[in-house]
Amino acid sequence: MITNKKKFYGRYNEDYYQERIKYYSKKHMIKYIKYFLKKNEIKWLDIGCGLGYFVKEAVEEGVDCYGIDISEYAVKNAIIKDRIKLGSITNIPFGDETFDVVSAFDVIEHIHPKDTEKAFSEIYRVLKKGGYLIMTTPNPCHIGDWIRDDTHINVRPPKFWNEMLKKFRFNVKMYYVPSFLKYYISDKFAIKIAISDKIAFWIEKPLRYFIGYIYNKKGRLYLFARKEGVKNESE
């Protein structure tokens, strides 16, 4: 049982970030969201941003992106300091309906179980109507590397997250990876795919579900959820 939250969250220090954290480019996801939303200006919050690598990538892609992290070390050593501030998924230091997109990559499993509803209440609060949440978290139904991490104190089955999001009035896509696969392939393997974004978007649609299903089988759950509001016709 965790009796001292401050002591627990204090573990996210220099040693934690140097030994455990590895960043893998997510430009393919940023490009997908830009195309999907079809907006000239997108305001994005990355929760648990760490040293800010994702925030930097998003800014480079023309997104007005900000990040928060509970770690003083991460905020102090962020690579894009003017856009990173202290904060947590249960206490987001931004106003109501500020963001078009909120991402929380491998965050929710680290918070105290009693704080779960507060976390989703805060995400709902800062998202605009019709805004989107991208969330990843371990799936306990399948054994993976997550089981060796003792900071994973809030690992739940997919059904739990689906019901929790619906409780907070989100429409949920389960096992769905919001990504432009052509850009993922291009970045990872240096292979250019000469088709337009419009064609790739529709061709890749069933593949996004299939890849999400495969990731889930390996122990990593993707969720893509929309706060109730105006429907995006591209969905």
Protein backbone atom coordinates (compact mmCIF):
# COMPACT_ATOMS: atom_id res chain seq x y z
CA MET A 1 0.00 0.00 0.00
CA ILE A 2 1.26 3.47 -0.86
CA THR A 3 0.95 5.78 2.14
CA ASN A 4 3.18 8.68 1.06
CA LYS A 5 2.33 10.01 -2.40
CA LYS A 6 4.97 12.76 -2.27
CA LYS A 7 7.69 10.23 -1.54
CA PHE A 8 6.45 7.91 -4.30
CA TYR A 9 6.24 10.59 -6.98
CA GLY A 10 9.63 11.89 -5.87
CA ARG A 11 11.09 8.76 -7.43
CA TYR A 12 10.79 10.41 -10.85
CA ASN A 13 14.23 11.99 -10.51
CA GLU A 14 17.43 12.12 -12.54
CA ASP A 15 18.13 8.40 -12.11
CA TYR A 16 14.65 7.51 -13.35
CA TYR A 17 14.95 9.58 -16.53
CA GLN A 18 18.49 8.46 -17.31
CA GLU A 19 17.91 4.75 -16.68
CA ARG A 20 14.34 4.12 -17.81
CA ILE A 21 13.13 6.75 -20.22
CA LYS A 22 13.70 6.32 -23.94
CA TYR A 23 11.93 8.50 -26.47
CA TYR A 24 10.77 7.22 -29.84
CA SER A 25 9.69 9.75 -32.45
CA LYS A 26 5.93 10.28 -32.76
CA LYS A 27 5.95 12.63 -35.73
CA HIS A 28 3.79 10.14 -37.63
CA MET A 29 1.08 10.58 -34.96
CA ILE A 30 1.37 14.36 -35.01
CA LYS A 31 0.98 14.42 -38.80
CA TYR A 32 -2.08 12.17 -38.53
CA ILE A 33 -3.79 14.43 -35.99
CA LYS A 34 -3.05 17.52 -38.07
CA TYR A 35 -4.65 15.89 -41.10
CA PHE A 36 -7.50 14.38 -39.10
CA LEU A 37 -8.57 17.62 -37.42
CA LYS A 38 -8.19 19.75 -40.55
CA LYS A 39 -7.50 22.88 -38.50
CA ASN A 40 -4.94 25.58 -39.18
CA GLU A 41 -4.23 25.99 -35.47
CA ILE A 42 -4.10 23.07 -33.04
CA LYS A 43 -3.45 23.51 -29.34
CA TRP A 44 -2.08 20.33 -27.74
CA LEU A 45 -1.16 19.29 -24.20
CA ASP A 46 1.20 16.39 -23.53
CA ILE A 47 0.77 15.07 -19.98
CA GLY A 48 3.79 13.40 -18.43
CA CYS A 49 5.96 15.06 -21.06
CA GLY A 50 9.26 14.24 -19.38
CA LEU A 51 12.09 16.23 -20.93
CA GLY A 52 9.79 17.52 -23.67
CA TYR A 53 10.86 15.56 -26.75
CA PHE A 54 7.30 15.13 -27.98
CA VAL A 55 6.49 18.79 -27.37
CA LYS A 56 9.53 19.80 -29.41
CA GLU A 57 8.51 17.52 -32.29
CA ALA A 58 4.96 18.90 -32.26
CA VAL A 59 6.18 22.50 -32.31
CA GLU A 60 8.46 21.66 -35.23
CA GLU A 61 5.37 20.33 -37.02
CA GLY A 62 3.53 23.63 -36.50
CA VAL A 63 1.43 22.60 -33.48
CA ASP A 64 0.98 24.93 -30.51
CA CYS A 65 2.03 22.29 -28.01
CA TYR A 66 2.71 22.42 -24.25
CA GLY A 67 3.73 19.82 -21.70
CA ILE A 68 3.40 19.17 -18.00
CA ASP A 69 5.27 16.78 -15.76
CA ILE A 70 5.25 15.98 -12.06
CA SER A 71 9.04 15.70 -11.98
CA GLU A 72 10.97 18.83 -10.99
CA TYR A 73 14.05 17.29 -12.59
CA ALA A 74 12.26 16.84 -15.93
CA VAL A 75 10.92 20.40 -15.97
CA LYS A 76 14.26 21.90 -14.97
CA ASN A 77 16.12 19.95 -17.67
CA ALA A 78 13.50 20.15 -20.43
CA ILE A 79 14.82 20.70 -23.94
CA ILE A 80 12.10 23.27 -24.71
CA LYS A 81 11.69 25.04 -21.38
CA ASP A 82 9.26 27.82 -22.32
CA ARG A 83 6.55 25.24 -23.05
CA ILE A 84 7.03 22.85 -20.12
CA LYS A 85 5.72 23.38 -16.60
CA LEU A 86 5.13 21.48 -13.40
CA GLY A 87 1.77 19.81 -13.19
CA SER A 88 0.07 16.44 -12.99
CA ILE A 89 -2.73 14.58 -14.65
CA THR A 90 -4.81 15.20 -11.51
CA ASN A 91 -3.98 18.92 -11.35
CA ILE A 92 -3.56 20.38 -14.84
CA PRO A 93 -2.40 24.02 -14.63
CA PHE A 94 -4.48 25.28 -17.58
CA GLY A 95 -7.97 26.69 -17.93
CA ASP A 96 -11.19 25.02 -19.01
CA GLU A 97 -11.55 23.98 -22.68
CA THR A 98 -8.04 25.10 -23.63
CA PHE A 99 -6.84 22.24 -25.83
CA ASP A 100 -7.89 20.51 -29.05
CA VAL A 101 -5.81 17.45 -28.16
CA VAL A 102 -4.49 15.93 -24.94
CA SER A 103 -1.99 13.07 -24.98
CA ALA A 104 -1.00 10.89 -22.05
CA PHE A 105 1.57 8.34 -23.21
CA ASP A 106 2.19 5.72 -20.51
CA VAL A 107 1.06 7.98 -17.67
CA ILE A 108 -2.19 6.73 -16.16
CA GLU A 109 -0.61 3.49 -14.87
CA HIS A 110 1.73 5.54 -12.67
CA ILE A 111 -0.89 7.43 -10.67
CA HIS A 112 -2.49 6.34 -7.42
CA PRO A 113 -5.63 4.26 -8.17
CA LYS A 114 -7.73 6.57 -6.00
CA ASP A 115 -6.80 9.46 -8.31
CA THR A 116 -8.09 7.81 -11.50
CA GLU A 117 -11.44 9.60 -11.68
CA LYS A 118 -9.83 12.92 -10.82
CA ALA A 119 -7.41 12.42 -13.72
CA PHE A 120 -10.18 11.92 -16.27
CA SER A 121 -12.17 14.80 -14.81
CA GLU A 122 -9.17 17.08 -15.36
CA ILE A 123 -8.59 15.86 -18.92
CA TYR A 124 -12.25 16.41 -19.73
CA ARG A 125 -12.11 19.89 -18.21
CA VAL A 126 -9.17 21.18 -20.27
CA LEU A 127 -10.31 19.66 -23.59
CA LYS A 128 -12.47 21.69 -25.91
CA LYS A 129 -15.82 20.23 -26.96
CA GLY A 130 -15.08 17.73 -29.68
CA GLY A 131 -11.42 17.58 -28.57
CA TYR A 132 -9.40 14.36 -28.57
CA LEU A 133 -7.51 12.29 -26.03
CA ILE A 134 -4.73 9.90 -27.04
CA MET A 135 -3.83 7.51 -24.24
CA THR A 136 -1.51 4.52 -23.99
CA THR A 137 -1.16 2.20 -21.02
CA PRO A 138 -0.18 -1.43 -20.31
CA ASN A 139 -2.78 -4.15 -20.73
CA PRO A 140 -2.55 -6.57 -17.76
CA CYS A 141 -4.31 -9.27 -19.78
CA HIS A 142 -1.04 -9.85 -21.62
CA ILE A 143 2.31 -10.20 -19.92
CA GLY A 144 4.90 -7.68 -21.07
CA ASP A 145 7.79 -5.53 -19.86
CA TRP A 146 5.36 -3.42 -17.84
CA ILE A 147 5.16 -6.09 -15.13
CA ARG A 148 8.79 -5.48 -14.12
CA ASP A 149 8.20 -1.79 -13.41
CA ASP A 150 7.22 -1.23 -9.77
CA THR A 151 5.97 2.29 -10.56
CA HIS A 152 3.07 0.71 -12.48
CA ILE A 153 0.54 0.85 -9.67
CA ASN A 154 -2.62 1.49 -11.69
CA VAL A 155 -2.65 -1.11 -14.48
CA ARG A 156 -6.22 -2.03 -15.47
CA PRO A 157 -7.85 -4.14 -18.21
CA PRO A 158 -9.14 -2.43 -21.39
CA LYS A 159 -12.77 -2.73 -20.27
CA PHE A 160 -12.03 -0.61 -17.20
CA TRP A 161 -10.59 2.27 -19.27
CA ASN A 162 -13.42 2.03 -21.80
CA GLU A 163 -16.03 2.32 -19.06
CA MET A 164 -14.14 5.09 -17.28
CA LEU A 165 -13.90 7.20 -20.42
CA LYS A 166 -17.58 6.68 -21.20
CA LYS A 167 -18.44 7.69 -17.64
CA PHE A 168 -16.78 11.04 -18.36
CA ARG A 169 -18.69 11.44 -21.63
CA PHE A 170 -16.00 10.39 -24.08
CA ASN A 171 -16.67 8.46 -27.28
CA VAL A 172 -13.95 5.81 -27.40
CA LYS A 173 -12.07 3.96 -30.12
CA MET A 174 -10.43 0.91 -28.63
CA TYR A 175 -7.22 -0.65 -29.98
CA TYR A 176 -6.76 2.22 -32.43
CA VAL A 177 -3.41 3.82 -33.25
CA PRO A 178 -3.89 7.39 -34.53
CA SER A 179 -0.94 7.44 -36.89
CA PHE A 180 0.05 8.05 -40.49
CA LEU A 181 1.72 4.75 -41.27
CA LYS A 182 3.36 6.09 -44.40
CA TYR A 183 5.27 8.62 -42.29
CA TYR A 184 6.15 5.99 -39.68
CA ILE A 185 7.63 3.79 -42.40
CA SER A 186 9.42 6.75 -43.95
CA ASP A 187 10.97 7.86 -40.65
CA LYS A 188 11.91 4.40 -39.43
CA PHE A 189 13.12 2.78 -42.63
CA ALA A 190 13.92 5.79 -44.86
CA ILE A 191 11.43 4.54 -47.46
CA LYS A 192 9.42 7.15 -49.33
CA ILE A 193 5.80 6.21 -50.05
CA ALA A 194 4.62 8.22 -53.04
CA ILE A 195 0.90 8.50 -52.31
CA SER A 196 -1.04 11.51 -51.11
CA ASP A 197 -2.06 11.98 -47.48
CA LYS A 198 -5.72 11.81 -48.56
CA ILE A 199 -5.31 8.37 -50.13
CA ALA A 200 -3.05 7.09 -47.34
CA PHE A 201 -5.54 8.25 -44.69
CA TRP A 202 -8.31 6.02 -46.03
CA ILE A 203 -6.15 3.06 -47.09
CA GLU A 204 -4.56 2.92 -43.66
CA LYS A 205 -7.80 3.11 -41.68
CA PRO A 206 -8.29 -0.67 -41.17
CA LEU A 207 -4.55 -1.06 -40.56
CA ARG A 208 -4.72 1.36 -37.65
CA TYR A 209 -7.18 -0.96 -35.89
CA PHE A 210 -5.14 -4.04 -36.81
CA ILE A 211 -1.90 -2.56 -35.46
CA GLY A 212 -3.70 -1.47 -32.30
CA TYR A 213 -4.94 -5.03 -31.86
CA ILE A 214 -1.40 -6.40 -32.30
CA TYR A 215 0.06 -3.90 -29.83
CA ASN A 216 -2.67 -4.83 -27.36
CA LYS A 217 -1.76 -8.50 -27.65
CA LYS A 218 1.80 -7.55 -26.74
CA GLY A 219 0.62 -5.72 -23.65
CA ARG A 220 0.27 -2.11 -24.83
CA LEU A 221 -3.19 -0.58 -25.11
CA TYR A 222 -4.00 2.40 -27.36
CA LEU A 223 -7.16 4.45 -26.86
CA PHE A 224 -8.36 7.34 -29.00
CA ALA A 225 -11.32 9.18 -27.49
CA ARG A 226 -13.38 12.26 -28.32
CA LYS A 227 -14.97 14.56 -25.77
CA GLU A 228 -18.64 14.84 -26.64
CA GLY A 229 -19.21 17.78 -28.94
CA VAL A 230 -19.02 18.50 -32.66
CA LYS A 231 -18.44 15.34 -34.70
CA ASN A 232 -15.43 15.24 -37.02
CA GLU A 233 -16.67 14.04 -40.40
CA SER A 234 -13.30 12.42 -41.20
CA GLU A 235 -13.72 9.93 -38.36
